[in-house]
N, C-alpha and C. Protein backbone atom coordinates (compact mmCIF):
# COMPACT_ATOMS: atom_id res chain seq x y z
N MET A 1 89.94 95.36 90.74
CA MET A 1 90.64 95.15 89.49
C MET A 1 90.99 96.49 88.87
N ILE A 2 92.11 96.55 88.21
CA ILE A 2 92.55 97.77 87.56
C ILE A 2 91.82 97.90 86.22
N GLU A 3 91.22 99.05 86.05
CA GLU A 3 90.53 99.31 84.78
C GLU A 3 91.53 99.82 83.76
N LEU A 4 91.61 99.15 82.62
CA LEU A 4 92.56 99.52 81.58
C LEU A 4 91.84 100.00 80.33
N HIS A 5 92.47 100.95 79.67
CA HIS A 5 91.92 101.50 78.43
C HIS A 5 93.00 101.43 77.35
N PRO A 6 93.29 100.23 76.86
CA PRO A 6 94.36 100.10 75.87
C PRO A 6 93.95 100.60 74.49
N GLU A 7 94.94 101.06 73.77
CA GLU A 7 94.79 101.35 72.34
C GLU A 7 95.60 100.26 71.64
N TYR A 8 95.00 99.66 70.63
CA TYR A 8 95.67 98.55 69.95
C TYR A 8 96.30 99.01 68.64
N LEU A 9 97.52 98.58 68.44
CA LEU A 9 98.22 98.82 67.17
C LEU A 9 98.21 97.51 66.41
N THR A 10 97.98 97.59 65.14
CA THR A 10 97.86 96.37 64.35
C THR A 10 99.04 96.20 63.40
N ARG A 11 99.23 94.97 63.02
CA ARG A 11 100.22 94.62 62.00
C ARG A 11 99.53 93.63 61.07
N HIS A 12 99.46 93.96 59.83
CA HIS A 12 98.78 93.13 58.84
C HIS A 12 97.32 92.89 59.22
N GLY A 13 96.72 93.93 59.80
CA GLY A 13 95.29 93.86 60.15
C GLY A 13 94.97 93.12 61.43
N LYS A 14 95.98 92.65 62.13
CA LYS A 14 95.75 91.92 63.38
C LYS A 14 96.38 92.68 64.54
N PRO A 15 95.75 92.64 65.73
CA PRO A 15 96.34 93.33 66.89
C PRO A 15 97.74 92.79 67.17
N ALA A 16 98.69 93.72 67.34
CA ALA A 16 100.07 93.32 67.59
C ALA A 16 100.62 93.92 68.88
N PHE A 17 100.12 95.09 69.25
CA PHE A 17 100.62 95.79 70.44
C PHE A 17 99.46 96.47 71.14
N ALA A 18 99.61 96.64 72.45
CA ALA A 18 98.64 97.41 73.23
C ALA A 18 99.38 98.57 73.89
N VAL A 19 98.82 99.76 73.77
CA VAL A 19 99.41 100.96 74.36
C VAL A 19 98.48 101.44 75.46
N LEU A 20 99.06 101.72 76.64
CA LEU A 20 98.27 102.18 77.79
C LEU A 20 98.65 103.60 78.15
N PRO A 21 97.70 104.36 78.69
CA PRO A 21 98.07 105.65 79.28
C PRO A 21 99.08 105.40 80.40
N ILE A 22 100.01 106.32 80.59
CA ILE A 22 101.10 106.11 81.56
C ILE A 22 100.58 105.88 82.96
N GLU A 23 99.49 106.54 83.35
CA GLU A 23 98.93 106.35 84.69
C GLU A 23 98.47 104.91 84.88
N GLU A 24 97.82 104.34 83.87
CA GLU A 24 97.36 102.96 83.95
C GLU A 24 98.54 102.00 83.96
N PHE A 25 99.54 102.29 83.15
CA PHE A 25 100.74 101.45 83.12
C PHE A 25 101.42 101.44 84.49
N ASP A 26 101.56 102.63 85.10
CA ASP A 26 102.19 102.72 86.41
C ASP A 26 101.39 101.95 87.47
N ARG A 27 100.06 102.07 87.45
CA ARG A 27 99.24 101.32 88.41
C ARG A 27 99.41 99.82 88.21
N LEU A 28 99.42 99.39 86.96
CA LEU A 28 99.59 97.98 86.64
C LEU A 28 100.97 97.48 87.08
N LYS A 29 101.99 98.29 86.86
CA LYS A 29 103.34 97.93 87.26
C LYS A 29 103.44 97.78 88.78
N HIS A 30 102.88 98.72 89.53
CA HIS A 30 102.91 98.64 91.00
C HIS A 30 102.11 97.43 91.50
N TYR A 31 101.00 97.15 90.86
CA TYR A 31 100.19 96.00 91.23
C TYR A 31 100.99 94.71 91.04
N LEU A 32 101.68 94.59 89.92
CA LEU A 32 102.48 93.40 89.65
C LEU A 32 103.66 93.28 90.62
N GLU A 33 104.27 94.41 90.98
CA GLU A 33 105.36 94.37 91.95
C GLU A 33 104.85 93.89 93.31
N ASP A 34 103.68 94.39 93.72
CA ASP A 34 103.09 93.94 94.98
C ASP A 34 102.77 92.44 94.93
N LEU A 35 102.26 91.99 93.80
CA LEU A 35 101.94 90.57 93.63
C LEU A 35 103.20 89.72 93.71
N GLU A 36 104.30 90.18 93.11
CA GLU A 36 105.56 89.44 93.19
C GLU A 36 106.04 89.35 94.64
N ASP A 37 105.89 90.45 95.38
CA ASP A 37 106.28 90.45 96.79
C ASP A 37 105.44 89.44 97.58
N LEU A 38 104.15 89.42 97.31
CA LEU A 38 103.26 88.48 98.00
C LEU A 38 103.64 87.04 97.69
N LEU A 39 103.92 86.76 96.44
CA LEU A 39 104.31 85.40 96.06
C LEU A 39 105.63 85.00 96.72
N ALA A 40 106.58 85.93 96.78
CA ALA A 40 107.86 85.64 97.44
C ALA A 40 107.64 85.37 98.93
N LEU A 41 106.80 86.16 99.57
CA LEU A 41 106.49 85.95 100.98
C LEU A 41 105.87 84.58 101.21
N ARG A 42 104.95 84.21 100.35
CA ARG A 42 104.31 82.89 100.49
C ARG A 42 105.31 81.76 100.30
N GLN A 43 106.27 81.93 99.39
CA GLN A 43 107.29 80.90 99.18
C GLN A 43 108.16 80.76 100.42
N VAL A 44 108.57 81.86 101.00
CA VAL A 44 109.41 81.82 102.20
C VAL A 44 108.63 81.21 103.35
N LYS A 45 107.37 81.60 103.48
CA LYS A 45 106.54 81.04 104.55
C LYS A 45 106.41 79.53 104.41
N ALA A 46 106.19 79.06 103.19
CA ALA A 46 106.06 77.62 102.95
C ALA A 46 107.37 76.91 103.25
N ALA A 47 108.49 77.52 102.90
CA ALA A 47 109.79 76.90 103.13
C ALA A 47 110.11 76.84 104.62
N GLU A 48 109.62 77.79 105.39
CA GLU A 48 109.91 77.86 106.82
C GLU A 48 108.83 77.20 107.68
N GLU A 49 107.84 76.62 107.04
CA GLU A 49 106.69 76.07 107.76
C GLU A 49 107.08 75.06 108.83
N ALA A 50 108.07 74.22 108.56
CA ALA A 50 108.46 73.17 109.50
C ALA A 50 109.53 73.64 110.49
N SER A 51 109.97 74.89 110.37
CA SER A 51 111.00 75.40 111.27
C SER A 51 110.46 75.54 112.69
N PRO A 52 111.33 75.36 113.67
CA PRO A 52 110.88 75.53 115.05
C PRO A 52 110.50 76.98 115.32
N THR A 53 109.53 77.17 116.19
CA THR A 53 109.07 78.51 116.53
C THR A 53 109.24 78.75 118.02
N LEU A 54 109.11 80.01 118.40
CA LEU A 54 109.23 80.41 119.78
C LEU A 54 108.04 81.28 120.11
N GLY A 55 107.26 80.88 121.09
CA GLY A 55 106.09 81.66 121.49
C GLY A 55 106.48 82.93 122.22
N ILE A 56 105.58 83.88 122.27
CA ILE A 56 105.86 85.16 122.90
C ILE A 56 106.17 85.02 124.39
N ASP A 57 105.47 84.12 125.08
CA ASP A 57 105.73 83.93 126.51
C ASP A 57 107.14 83.38 126.74
N GLU A 58 107.56 82.42 125.94
CA GLU A 58 108.91 81.86 126.06
C GLU A 58 109.95 82.93 125.73
N LEU A 59 109.69 83.75 124.73
CA LEU A 59 110.61 84.83 124.37
C LEU A 59 110.76 85.81 125.53
N ARG A 60 109.65 86.17 126.15
CA ARG A 60 109.72 87.08 127.30
C ARG A 60 110.55 86.48 128.44
N ARG A 61 110.31 85.18 128.72
CA ARG A 61 111.08 84.51 129.77
C ARG A 61 112.58 84.55 129.45
N ARG A 62 112.91 84.28 128.23
CA ARG A 62 114.33 84.28 127.84
C ARG A 62 114.92 85.68 127.93
N LEU A 63 114.17 86.68 127.50
CA LEU A 63 114.68 88.05 127.56
C LEU A 63 114.82 88.54 129.00
N ASP A 64 113.87 88.16 129.84
CA ASP A 64 113.95 88.55 131.25
C ASP A 64 115.18 87.92 131.92
N GLY A 65 115.52 86.72 131.51
CA GLY A 65 116.66 86.03 132.09
C GLY A 65 118.00 86.49 131.50
N ALA A 66 117.96 87.28 130.44
CA ALA A 66 119.20 87.73 129.77
C ALA A 66 119.87 88.87 130.50
N ASP A 67 119.20 89.52 131.42
CA ASP A 67 119.78 90.68 132.12
C ASP A 67 120.90 90.31 133.02
């Protein structure tokens, strides 16, 4: 887990904003980008789950016959 050290800004005595050091913000941003990529990959995998597949042995046979 990413360790964060936010500073809170208040409005009318209540927390309204959180400010992070730029290094922590950048780590958090990269983490979220990686997470978005993972979620997109999982969606594509789920959508393609029922698609026909080709095993490596069959692929080799087809490629050998393509010459």
